[in-house]
Amino acid sequence: MSEDNVIYVGNKPVMNYVLAAVTQFNEGAKEVTIKARGRAISRAVDTAEVVKNRFLVDVVVDKIEIGTEELKSEKGENIKVSSIEIFLKRE
């Protein structure tokens, strides 16, 4: 899968990410990955649910990967942040 089909979820409203995912599927993508870290994880889950339940009923969750990433804080110390990748697939 190419990096083009990856949506990085941040602090924008859920519908912005939903629109990005739906656009990618409508342009012919067979798979779209939604990635998020920390507090944005719930927004990523909401995005996946809205895409598959309201907009594209032929899209399913292929798999979900969770993990922990180590980042440097502003103070220079290492902090661990949870991450999630939701793989959506069009059937």
Protein backbone atom coordinates (compact mmCIF):
# COMPACT_ATOMS: atom_id res chain seq x y z
CA MET A 1 0.00 0.00 0.00
CA SER A 2 1.28 3.46 -0.86
CA GLU A 3 1.66 6.36 1.56
CA ASP A 4 -0.99 8.20 -0.49
CA ASN A 5 -3.71 6.11 1.11
CA VAL A 6 -2.80 7.04 4.69
CA ILE A 7 -4.82 9.59 6.66
CA TYR A 8 -3.13 11.03 9.73
CA VAL A 9 -5.73 12.09 12.29
CA GLY A 10 -5.03 15.17 14.39
CA ASN A 11 -7.15 17.91 15.96
CA LYS A 12 -9.47 18.77 13.07
CA PRO A 13 -13.17 17.82 13.14
CA VAL A 14 -14.01 14.18 12.34
CA MET A 15 -15.80 15.10 9.11
CA ASN A 16 -12.55 16.47 7.61
CA TYR A 17 -10.97 13.02 7.91
CA VAL A 18 -14.16 11.26 6.75
CA LEU A 19 -14.15 13.42 3.61
CA ALA A 20 -10.48 12.58 2.98
CA ALA A 21 -11.17 8.83 3.28
CA VAL A 22 -14.30 8.90 1.12
CA THR A 23 -12.42 10.93 -1.52
CA GLN A 24 -9.62 8.37 -1.64
CA PHE A 25 -12.07 5.48 -2.05
CA ASN A 26 -13.95 7.39 -4.77
CA GLU A 27 -10.67 7.96 -6.63
CA GLY A 28 -10.20 4.20 -6.86
CA ALA A 29 -8.29 3.25 -3.71
CA LYS A 30 -9.04 -0.30 -2.54
CA GLU A 31 -7.55 0.29 0.93
CA VAL A 32 -7.21 3.35 3.18
CA THR A 33 -5.31 3.47 6.48
CA ILE A 34 -6.33 5.82 9.28
CA LYS A 35 -3.47 6.54 11.72
CA ALA A 36 -3.58 8.41 15.02
CA ARG A 37 -1.66 8.86 18.26
CA GLY A 38 -2.63 9.79 21.80
CA ARG A 39 -5.80 11.82 22.24
CA ALA A 40 -6.61 11.64 18.52
CA ILE A 41 -7.25 7.87 18.71
CA SER A 42 -10.95 8.30 19.51
CA ARG A 43 -11.28 10.68 16.55
CA ALA A 44 -9.70 8.03 14.28
CA VAL A 45 -12.19 5.41 15.50
CA ASP A 46 -15.07 7.84 14.93
CA THR A 47 -13.75 8.52 11.41
CA ALA A 48 -13.66 4.82 10.52
CA GLU A 49 -17.16 4.24 11.90
CA VAL A 50 -18.69 7.20 10.06
CA VAL A 51 -17.05 6.15 6.77
CA LYS A 52 -18.31 2.56 6.93
CA ASN A 53 -21.74 3.16 8.47
CA ARG A 54 -22.91 6.40 6.85
CA PHE A 55 -21.03 6.96 3.61
CA LEU A 56 -19.64 3.75 2.11
CA VAL A 57 -21.50 0.66 3.27
CA ASP A 58 -19.24 -1.61 1.18
CA VAL A 59 -16.18 -0.62 3.27
CA VAL A 60 -15.10 -2.92 6.09
CA VAL A 61 -12.42 -2.78 8.77
CA ASP A 62 -9.73 -5.14 7.46
CA LYS A 63 -7.53 -5.03 10.57
CA ILE A 64 -6.53 -2.80 13.46
CA GLU A 65 -3.01 -2.44 14.83
CA ILE A 66 -2.26 -0.80 18.15
CA GLY A 67 1.08 0.08 19.63
CA THR A 68 3.21 2.48 21.60
CA GLU A 69 5.57 5.03 20.10
CA GLU A 70 8.35 6.75 21.99
CA LEU A 71 8.62 10.48 21.38
CA LYS A 72 10.77 13.29 22.75
CA SER A 73 8.85 15.84 24.80
CA GLU A 74 9.62 19.57 24.68
CA LYS A 75 11.77 19.08 27.78
CA GLY A 76 13.84 16.45 25.95
CA GLU A 77 12.62 13.45 27.91
CA ASN A 78 11.22 10.30 26.31
CA ILE A 79 7.47 9.84 26.55
CA LYS A 80 5.40 6.88 25.42
CA VAL A 81 2.30 7.59 23.32
CA SER A 82 -0.31 5.06 22.25
CA SER A 83 -0.96 4.71 18.52
CA ILE A 84 -3.55 3.04 16.31
CA GLU A 85 -3.78 2.12 12.64
CA ILE A 86 -7.19 1.23 11.22
CA PHE A 87 -7.08 -0.47 7.81
CA LEU A 88 -10.27 0.07 5.82
CA LYS A 89 -10.91 -2.06 2.73
CA ARG A 90 -13.51 -1.80 0.00
CA GLU A 91 -15.13 -5.11 -0.88
